[in-house]
Amino acid sequence: MTIPTFVATPGNSPATHPGMQPQMPAWEHFAHQADIGVRGYGHSPEEAFAQAALAMIAVIADPRRIQAHETINIECRAPDLELLLVDWLNALIYEIATRHLLFCAFDVHINGHHLHATAWGENIDPARHQPAVEVKGATFTELHVDAIAPDRWRAQCVVDV
């Protein structure tokens, strides 16, 4: 099985290059009072969800410093894509908190209201990963999952830090 790679530099975001399409997939952060917004872009909702997860991980540590030694599977169900995004991110937060893992790559599949994903990562190494903050939860604030152009999806919300 091939581990997905990612394009995860804020320099690819439309916020830093107005009028330009980001290289797909991509992620970015956006400011929101004391918390932080995470936003993922992709050719599909699945890619946008994976990139939103990378954006959330990047709030904690640099995803490029995380190695893919461990694999976990996550399943979520929700009545719509927006609630599914919140459930997905909160499932990852739970795995981070209980297994003490950080993740660097995701393979997300959505079928209707059901998400199945594989996440790759490793045990948190404070010296190497230098975690900045703890993400406590994904919220409904600024929550959007939508097609913003043909073949271009955005998945975003604010995470509580």
N, C-alpha and C. Protein backbone atom coordinates (compact mmCIF):
# COMPACT_ATOMS: atom_id res chain seq x y z
N MET A 1 0.84 -1.18 0.00
CA MET A 1 0.00 0.00 0.00
C MET A 1 0.88 1.25 0.00
N THR A 2 0.54 2.20 -0.81
CA THR A 2 1.29 3.44 -0.89
C THR A 2 0.72 4.46 0.09
N ILE A 3 1.57 5.11 0.82
CA ILE A 3 1.14 6.16 1.74
C ILE A 3 0.97 7.44 0.94
N PRO A 4 -0.20 8.12 1.06
CA PRO A 4 -0.40 9.35 0.29
C PRO A 4 0.61 10.42 0.67
N THR A 5 1.00 11.18 -0.29
CA THR A 5 1.85 12.33 -0.02
C THR A 5 0.97 13.57 0.00
N PHE A 6 1.52 14.67 0.43
CA PHE A 6 0.71 15.87 0.49
C PHE A 6 1.49 17.09 0.04
N VAL A 7 0.73 18.06 -0.43
CA VAL A 7 1.26 19.38 -0.71
C VAL A 7 0.73 20.24 0.43
N ALA A 8 1.57 20.58 1.37
CA ALA A 8 1.08 21.20 2.59
C ALA A 8 1.91 22.40 2.96
N THR A 9 1.95 23.36 2.08
CA THR A 9 2.65 24.59 2.43
C THR A 9 1.68 25.75 2.35
N PRO A 10 1.62 26.57 3.39
CA PRO A 10 0.73 27.71 3.32
C PRO A 10 1.00 28.58 2.09
N GLY A 11 2.16 28.52 1.51
CA GLY A 11 2.45 29.27 0.29
C GLY A 11 1.59 28.85 -0.88
N ASN A 12 0.97 27.69 -0.79
CA ASN A 12 0.07 27.23 -1.85
C ASN A 12 -1.36 27.72 -1.64
N SER A 13 -1.60 28.46 -0.59
CA SER A 13 -2.97 28.85 -0.28
C SER A 13 -3.40 30.08 -1.06
N PRO A 14 -4.71 30.17 -1.36
CA PRO A 14 -5.18 31.35 -2.06
C PRO A 14 -5.04 32.62 -1.21
N ALA A 15 -4.95 32.47 0.10
CA ALA A 15 -4.80 33.64 0.96
C ALA A 15 -3.46 34.33 0.71
N THR A 16 -2.43 33.55 0.38
CA THR A 16 -1.12 34.15 0.16
C THR A 16 -0.86 34.47 -1.30
N HIS A 17 -1.71 33.97 -2.18
CA HIS A 17 -1.60 34.25 -3.61
C HIS A 17 -2.97 34.61 -4.17
N PRO A 18 -3.48 35.80 -3.87
CA PRO A 18 -4.82 36.16 -4.33
C PRO A 18 -4.94 35.99 -5.84
N GLY A 19 -6.08 35.43 -6.24
CA GLY A 19 -6.36 35.26 -7.66
C GLY A 19 -5.75 34.02 -8.26
N MET A 20 -4.92 33.31 -7.50
CA MET A 20 -4.29 32.10 -8.03
C MET A 20 -4.98 30.87 -7.45
N GLN A 21 -5.10 29.84 -8.25
CA GLN A 21 -5.60 28.56 -7.78
C GLN A 21 -4.47 27.86 -7.04
N PRO A 22 -4.73 27.34 -5.83
CA PRO A 22 -3.66 26.61 -5.16
C PRO A 22 -3.40 25.31 -5.88
N GLN A 23 -2.15 24.86 -5.78
CA GLN A 23 -1.83 23.53 -6.28
C GLN A 23 -2.64 22.56 -5.44
N MET A 24 -3.30 21.63 -6.07
CA MET A 24 -4.18 20.74 -5.32
C MET A 24 -3.45 19.48 -4.95
N PRO A 25 -3.74 18.89 -3.82
CA PRO A 25 -4.45 19.44 -2.68
C PRO A 25 -3.57 20.37 -1.86
N ALA A 26 -4.17 21.16 -1.00
CA ALA A 26 -3.43 22.13 -0.20
C ALA A 26 -4.21 22.43 1.08
N TRP A 27 -3.55 23.07 2.02
CA TRP A 27 -4.21 23.47 3.25
C TRP A 27 -3.71 24.84 3.68
N GLU A 28 -4.46 25.44 4.62
CA GLU A 28 -4.04 26.71 5.21
C GLU A 28 -4.72 26.88 6.56
N HIS A 29 -4.20 27.83 7.30
CA HIS A 29 -4.82 28.25 8.56
C HIS A 29 -5.45 29.61 8.34
N PHE A 30 -6.49 29.91 9.12
CA PHE A 30 -7.04 31.26 9.11
C PHE A 30 -7.32 31.69 10.54
N ALA A 31 -7.16 32.98 10.79
CA ALA A 31 -7.27 33.51 12.14
C ALA A 31 -8.73 33.53 12.60
N HIS A 32 -8.92 33.25 13.88
CA HIS A 32 -10.25 33.35 14.49
C HIS A 32 -10.07 33.58 15.98
N GLN A 33 -10.11 34.82 16.41
CA GLN A 33 -9.97 35.22 17.80
C GLN A 33 -8.89 34.41 18.50
N ALA A 34 -9.21 33.70 19.58
CA ALA A 34 -8.19 32.95 20.33
C ALA A 34 -7.96 31.56 19.77
N ASP A 35 -8.80 31.12 18.84
CA ASP A 35 -8.68 29.79 18.25
C ASP A 35 -8.07 29.91 16.86
N ILE A 36 -8.07 28.82 16.12
CA ILE A 36 -7.49 28.86 14.78
C ILE A 36 -8.36 28.07 13.81
N GLY A 37 -8.49 28.61 12.62
CA GLY A 37 -9.25 27.93 11.58
C GLY A 37 -8.34 27.03 10.77
N VAL A 38 -8.89 25.89 10.36
CA VAL A 38 -8.17 24.97 9.49
C VAL A 38 -9.00 24.82 8.22
N ARG A 39 -8.30 24.81 7.11
CA ARG A 39 -8.98 24.75 5.81
C ARG A 39 -8.20 23.84 4.89
N GLY A 40 -8.92 22.91 4.26
CA GLY A 40 -8.31 22.01 3.29
C GLY A 40 -8.96 22.16 1.94
N TYR A 41 -8.16 22.02 0.88
CA TYR A 41 -8.64 22.08 -0.50
C TYR A 41 -8.29 20.78 -1.19
N GLY A 42 -9.13 20.39 -2.14
CA GLY A 42 -8.84 19.21 -2.92
C GLY A 42 -9.75 19.10 -4.11
N HIS A 43 -9.49 18.11 -4.93
CA HIS A 43 -10.32 17.85 -6.11
C HIS A 43 -11.63 17.18 -5.72
N SER A 44 -11.73 16.70 -4.49
CA SER A 44 -12.90 15.98 -4.01
C SER A 44 -13.09 16.30 -2.53
N PRO A 45 -14.26 16.00 -1.99
CA PRO A 45 -14.42 16.18 -0.54
C PRO A 45 -13.39 15.36 0.24
N GLU A 46 -13.06 14.15 -0.25
CA GLU A 46 -12.09 13.32 0.45
C GLU A 46 -10.73 14.00 0.54
N GLU A 47 -10.25 14.56 -0.56
CA GLU A 47 -8.96 15.26 -0.53
C GLU A 47 -9.04 16.49 0.37
N ALA A 48 -10.15 17.22 0.33
CA ALA A 48 -10.29 18.40 1.18
C ALA A 48 -10.30 18.00 2.66
N PHE A 49 -10.95 16.87 3.01
CA PHE A 49 -10.95 16.39 4.38
C PHE A 49 -9.54 16.02 4.83
N ALA A 50 -8.80 15.34 3.97
CA ALA A 50 -7.43 14.95 4.30
C ALA A 50 -6.57 16.19 4.53
N GLN A 51 -6.74 17.20 3.69
CA GLN A 51 -5.95 18.42 3.83
C GLN A 51 -6.36 19.23 5.06
N ALA A 52 -7.65 19.22 5.41
CA ALA A 52 -8.09 19.88 6.64
C ALA A 52 -7.46 19.19 7.85
N ALA A 53 -7.36 17.87 7.79
CA ALA A 53 -6.70 17.13 8.88
C ALA A 53 -5.22 17.52 8.98
N LEU A 54 -4.55 17.64 7.84
CA LEU A 54 -3.14 18.08 7.86
C LEU A 54 -3.01 19.49 8.42
N ALA A 55 -3.95 20.36 8.06
CA ALA A 55 -3.93 21.72 8.62
C ALA A 55 -4.07 21.66 10.13
N MET A 56 -4.94 20.79 10.63
CA MET A 56 -5.11 20.66 12.07
C MET A 56 -3.84 20.11 12.72
N ILE A 57 -3.22 19.10 12.11
CA ILE A 57 -1.97 18.57 12.65
C ILE A 57 -0.91 19.67 12.67
N ALA A 58 -0.89 20.52 11.64
CA ALA A 58 0.11 21.59 11.56
C ALA A 58 -0.08 22.65 12.64
N VAL A 59 -1.24 22.70 13.26
CA VAL A 59 -1.44 23.57 14.42
C VAL A 59 -0.60 23.05 15.58
N ILE A 60 -0.46 21.73 15.65
CA ILE A 60 0.25 21.08 16.75
C ILE A 60 1.75 21.01 16.47
N ALA A 61 2.10 20.52 15.28
CA ALA A 61 3.52 20.29 14.94
C ALA A 61 3.67 20.32 13.43
N ASP A 62 4.90 20.43 12.97
CA ASP A 62 5.18 20.43 11.54
C ASP A 62 4.96 19.02 10.99
N PRO A 63 3.98 18.83 10.09
CA PRO A 63 3.71 17.48 9.56
C PRO A 63 4.92 16.86 8.86
N ARG A 64 5.83 17.67 8.35
CA ARG A 64 7.01 17.13 7.67
C ARG A 64 7.97 16.43 8.62
N ARG A 65 7.82 16.68 9.93
CA ARG A 65 8.68 16.03 10.93
C ARG A 65 8.09 14.72 11.43
N ILE A 66 6.89 14.39 10.99
CA ILE A 66 6.20 13.19 11.45
C ILE A 66 6.44 12.07 10.44
N GLN A 67 6.77 10.91 10.95
CA GLN A 67 7.03 9.75 10.09
C GLN A 67 5.86 8.77 10.16
N ALA A 68 5.67 8.04 9.10
CA ALA A 68 4.53 7.12 8.97
C ALA A 68 4.91 5.72 9.46
N HIS A 69 5.00 5.56 10.78
CA HIS A 69 5.36 4.27 11.36
C HIS A 69 4.14 3.47 11.80
N GLU A 70 3.08 4.14 12.17
CA GLU A 70 1.87 3.49 12.69
C GLU A 70 0.71 3.77 11.74
N THR A 71 -0.23 2.84 11.67
CA THR A 71 -1.42 2.99 10.85
C THR A 71 -2.65 2.75 11.71
N ILE A 72 -3.62 3.63 11.59
CA ILE A 72 -4.90 3.40 12.27
C ILE A 72 -6.02 3.63 11.26
N ASN A 73 -7.16 3.00 11.52
CA ASN A 73 -8.35 3.20 10.71
C ASN A 73 -9.38 3.94 11.53
N ILE A 74 -10.09 4.84 10.88
CA ILE A 74 -11.12 5.64 11.54
C ILE A 74 -12.38 5.57 10.70
N GLU A 75 -13.51 5.42 11.37
CA GLU A 75 -14.81 5.46 10.70
C GLU A 75 -15.70 6.44 11.42
N CYS A 76 -16.45 7.21 10.64
CA CYS A 76 -17.39 8.19 11.18
C CYS A 76 -18.66 8.17 10.34
N ARG A 77 -19.76 8.53 10.96
CA ARG A 77 -21.03 8.71 10.26
C ARG A 77 -21.64 10.02 10.74
N ALA A 78 -22.25 10.74 9.80
CA ALA A 78 -22.94 11.98 10.15
C ALA A 78 -23.98 12.27 9.07
N PRO A 79 -24.98 13.08 9.38
CA PRO A 79 -26.06 13.32 8.42
C PRO A 79 -25.69 14.19 7.23
N ASP A 80 -24.55 14.89 7.28
CA ASP A 80 -24.13 15.70 6.13
C ASP A 80 -22.61 15.87 6.17
N LEU A 81 -22.07 16.42 5.08
CA LEU A 81 -20.61 16.56 4.97
C LEU A 81 -20.03 17.47 6.04
N GLU A 82 -20.73 18.53 6.39
CA GLU A 82 -20.17 19.45 7.39
C GLU A 82 -20.04 18.77 8.75
N LEU A 83 -21.08 18.08 9.18
CA LEU A 83 -20.98 17.37 10.46
C LEU A 83 -19.97 16.23 10.38
N LEU A 84 -19.85 15.63 9.21
CA LEU A 84 -18.86 14.58 9.01
C LEU A 84 -17.44 15.13 9.17
N LEU A 85 -17.18 16.35 8.70
CA LEU A 85 -15.87 16.97 8.88
C LEU A 85 -15.56 17.14 10.36
N VAL A 86 -16.51 17.66 11.13
CA VAL A 86 -16.30 17.85 12.57
C VAL A 86 -16.05 16.50 13.25
N ASP A 87 -16.85 15.49 12.91
CA ASP A 87 -16.65 14.16 13.50
C ASP A 87 -15.29 13.59 13.13
N TRP A 88 -14.87 13.77 11.88
CA TRP A 88 -13.57 13.28 11.41
C TRP A 88 -12.42 13.93 12.20
N LEU A 89 -12.45 15.24 12.29
CA LEU A 89 -11.37 15.93 13.00
C LEU A 89 -11.38 15.57 14.49
N ASN A 90 -12.57 15.46 15.08
CA ASN A 90 -12.64 15.08 16.49
C ASN A 90 -12.19 13.64 16.71
N ALA A 91 -12.43 12.76 15.76
CA ALA A 91 -11.92 11.39 15.87
C ALA A 91 -10.40 11.39 15.86
N LEU A 92 -9.80 12.23 15.03
CA LEU A 92 -8.34 12.34 15.01
C LEU A 92 -7.82 12.91 16.34
N ILE A 93 -8.50 13.91 16.86
CA ILE A 93 -8.10 14.50 18.14
C ILE A 93 -8.14 13.44 19.24
N TYR A 94 -9.17 12.61 19.22
CA TYR A 94 -9.28 11.51 20.19
C TYR A 94 -8.09 10.56 20.06
N GLU A 95 -7.74 10.19 18.83
CA GLU A 95 -6.61 9.28 18.61
C GLU A 95 -5.29 9.91 19.07
N ILE A 96 -5.14 11.20 18.82
CA ILE A 96 -3.93 11.90 19.28
C ILE A 96 -3.84 11.84 20.80
N ALA A 97 -4.96 12.11 21.47
CA ALA A 97 -4.98 12.17 22.93
C ALA A 97 -4.83 10.80 23.58
N THR A 98 -5.47 9.78 23.01
CA THR A 98 -5.46 8.47 23.67
C THR A 98 -4.29 7.59 23.26
N ARG A 99 -3.86 7.70 22.02
CA ARG A 99 -2.74 6.86 21.55
C ARG A 99 -1.40 7.60 21.55
N HIS A 100 -1.45 8.92 21.79
CA HIS A 100 -0.24 9.76 21.80
C HIS A 100 0.48 9.68 20.45
N LEU A 101 -0.32 9.79 19.38
CA LEU A 101 0.21 9.76 18.02
C LEU A 101 0.01 11.10 17.35
N LEU A 102 0.89 11.42 16.42
CA LEU A 102 0.69 12.52 15.48
C LEU A 102 0.66 11.89 14.09
N PHE A 103 -0.09 12.49 13.19
CA PHE A 103 -0.29 11.91 11.86
C PHE A 103 0.29 12.80 10.78
N CYS A 104 0.72 12.15 9.69
CA CYS A 104 1.35 12.88 8.60
C CYS A 104 0.68 12.64 7.25
N ALA A 105 -0.18 11.64 7.16
CA ALA A 105 -0.82 11.32 5.88
C ALA A 105 -2.16 10.65 6.14
N PHE A 106 -3.09 10.87 5.21
CA PHE A 106 -4.44 10.35 5.35
C PHE A 106 -4.96 9.87 4.01
N ASP A 107 -5.70 8.78 4.05
CA ASP A 107 -6.41 8.28 2.88
C ASP A 107 -7.88 8.23 3.29
N VAL A 108 -8.69 9.15 2.76
CA VAL A 108 -10.07 9.32 3.18
C VAL A 108 -11.00 8.86 2.07
N HIS A 109 -12.03 8.10 2.46
CA HIS A 109 -13.07 7.67 1.53
C HIS A 109 -14.42 8.03 2.14
N ILE A 110 -15.26 8.68 1.37
CA ILE A 110 -16.60 9.06 1.82
C ILE A 110 -17.61 8.40 0.90
N ASN A 111 -18.55 7.70 1.51
CA ASN A 111 -19.63 7.07 0.77
C ASN A 111 -20.93 7.51 1.43
N GLY A 112 -21.60 8.48 0.81
CA GLY A 112 -22.80 9.03 1.42
C GLY A 112 -22.47 9.76 2.70
N HIS A 113 -22.97 9.22 3.81
CA HIS A 113 -22.75 9.86 5.11
C HIS A 113 -21.75 9.09 5.95
N HIS A 114 -20.99 8.23 5.32
CA HIS A 114 -20.03 7.37 6.02
C HIS A 114 -18.62 7.70 5.55
N LEU A 115 -17.73 7.92 6.49
CA LEU A 115 -16.32 8.17 6.20
C LEU A 115 -15.50 7.00 6.72
N HIS A 116 -14.62 6.51 5.89
CA HIS A 116 -13.63 5.52 6.31
C HIS A 116 -12.27 6.09 5.91
N ALA A 117 -11.34 6.11 6.87
CA ALA A 117 -10.02 6.69 6.58
C ALA A 117 -8.93 5.85 7.22
N THR A 118 -7.78 5.92 6.60
CA THR A 118 -6.55 5.38 7.17
C THR A 118 -5.65 6.58 7.45
N ALA A 119 -5.05 6.57 8.63
CA ALA A 119 -4.13 7.64 9.02
C ALA A 119 -2.78 7.01 9.36
N TRP A 120 -1.72 7.65 8.90
CA TRP A 120 -0.36 7.19 9.17
C TRP A 120 0.32 8.22 10.06
N GLY A 121 1.10 7.73 11.01
CA GLY A 121 1.82 8.65 11.89
C GLY A 121 2.76 7.90 12.80
N GLU A 122 3.07 8.55 13.91
CA GLU A 122 4.01 7.96 14.87
C GLU A 122 3.74 8.52 16.25
N ASN A 123 4.37 7.87 17.25
CA ASN A 123 4.26 8.35 18.63
C ASN A 123 4.85 9.75 18.73
N ILE A 124 4.22 10.54 19.56
CA ILE A 124 4.69 11.91 19.76
C ILE A 124 6.06 11.88 20.43
N ASP A 125 7.01 12.57 19.83
CA ASP A 125 8.35 12.73 20.37
C ASP A 125 8.52 14.24 20.62
N PRO A 126 8.34 14.68 21.87
CA PRO A 126 8.38 16.12 22.15
C PRO A 126 9.65 16.81 21.66
N ALA A 127 10.78 16.14 21.74
CA ALA A 127 12.03 16.77 21.31
C ALA A 127 12.05 16.99 19.80
N ARG A 128 11.57 16.02 19.04
CA ARG A 128 11.61 16.14 17.58
C ARG A 128 10.40 16.88 17.02
N HIS A 129 9.22 16.61 17.57
CA HIS A 129 7.99 17.21 17.02
C HIS A 129 7.73 18.61 17.56
N GLN A 130 8.25 18.92 18.72
CA GLN A 130 8.08 20.23 19.35
C GLN A 130 6.63 20.70 19.29
N PRO A 131 5.70 19.94 19.92
CA PRO A 131 4.29 20.33 19.87
C PRO A 131 4.08 21.73 20.44
N ALA A 132 3.32 22.54 19.69
CA ALA A 132 3.09 23.94 20.06
C ALA A 132 1.88 24.10 20.97
N VAL A 133 0.78 23.46 20.60
CA VAL A 133 -0.46 23.58 21.36
C VAL A 133 -1.19 22.24 21.34
N GLU A 134 -2.19 22.13 22.19
CA GLU A 134 -3.07 20.98 22.17
C GLU A 134 -4.38 21.41 21.52
N VAL A 135 -4.81 20.69 20.52
CA VAL A 135 -6.12 20.95 19.91
C VAL A 135 -7.14 20.19 20.74
N LYS A 136 -8.13 20.93 21.28
CA LYS A 136 -9.12 20.32 22.16
C LYS A 136 -10.33 19.80 21.41
N GLY A 137 -10.66 20.43 20.27
CA GLY A 137 -11.82 19.95 19.54
C GLY A 137 -12.09 20.77 18.30
N ALA A 138 -12.73 20.12 17.32
CA ALA A 138 -13.22 20.82 16.13
C ALA A 138 -14.60 21.38 16.48
N THR A 139 -14.88 22.58 16.01
CA THR A 139 -16.13 23.26 16.36
C THR A 139 -16.99 23.48 15.12
N PHE A 140 -18.19 23.99 15.35
CA PHE A 140 -19.10 24.33 14.26
C PHE A 140 -18.85 25.74 13.73
N THR A 141 -17.93 26.46 14.35
CA THR A 141 -17.63 27.82 13.93
C THR A 141 -16.95 27.83 12.57
N GLU A 142 -17.43 28.68 11.66
CA GLU A 142 -16.88 28.81 10.30
C GLU A 142 -16.90 27.48 9.54
N LEU A 143 -17.81 26.60 9.93
CA LEU A 143 -17.89 25.26 9.33
C LEU A 143 -18.48 25.33 7.93
N HIS A 144 -17.70 24.87 6.95
CA HIS A 144 -18.15 24.81 5.55
C HIS A 144 -17.47 23.63 4.86
N VAL A 145 -18.26 22.88 4.12
CA VAL A 145 -17.72 21.89 3.17
C VAL A 145 -18.49 22.15 1.89
N ASP A 146 -17.78 22.62 0.88
CA ASP A 146 -18.49 22.98 -0.34
C ASP A 146 -17.59 22.94 -1.55
N ALA A 147 -18.24 22.80 -2.70
CA ALA A 147 -17.54 22.89 -3.98
C ALA A 147 -17.44 24.38 -4.29
N ILE A 148 -16.23 24.88 -4.37
CA ILE A 148 -16.04 26.33 -4.60
C ILE A 148 -15.74 26.63 -6.06
N ALA A 149 -15.55 25.59 -6.85
CA ALA A 149 -15.34 25.70 -8.30
C ALA A 149 -15.47 24.28 -8.84
N PRO A 150 -15.60 24.15 -10.14
CA PRO A 150 -15.61 22.78 -10.67
C PRO A 150 -14.31 22.06 -10.29
N ASP A 151 -14.45 20.86 -9.76
CA ASP A 151 -13.30 20.05 -9.38
C ASP A 151 -12.45 20.70 -8.28
N ARG A 152 -13.08 21.51 -7.43
CA ARG A 152 -12.34 22.17 -6.35
C ARG A 152 -13.23 22.25 -5.11
N TRP A 153 -12.84 21.54 -4.05
CA TRP A 153 -13.59 21.48 -2.81
C TRP A 153 -12.82 22.15 -1.69
N ARG A 154 -13.59 22.67 -0.73
CA ARG A 154 -13.02 23.29 0.47
C ARG A 154 -13.71 22.67 1.68
N ALA A 155 -12.93 22.33 2.69
CA ALA A 155 -13.45 21.82 3.97
C ALA A 155 -12.78 22.63 5.06
N GLN A 156 -13.58 23.28 5.91
CA GLN A 156 -12.98 24.15 6.92
C GLN A 156 -13.82 24.20 8.17
N CYS A 157 -13.15 24.51 9.30
CA CYS A 157 -13.80 24.83 10.55
C CYS A 157 -12.76 25.44 11.47
N VAL A 158 -13.21 25.89 12.62
CA VAL A 158 -12.31 26.43 13.63
C VAL A 158 -12.07 25.33 14.66
N VAL A 159 -10.82 25.17 15.07
CA VAL A 159 -10.50 24.22 16.13
C VAL A 159 -10.17 24.98 17.39
N ASP A 160 -10.62 24.44 18.52
CA ASP A 160 -10.39 25.01 19.83
C ASP A 160 -9.01 24.59 20.31
N VAL A 161 -8.17 25.57 20.62
CA VAL A 161 -6.83 25.28 21.11
C VAL A 161 -6.64 25.78 22.52
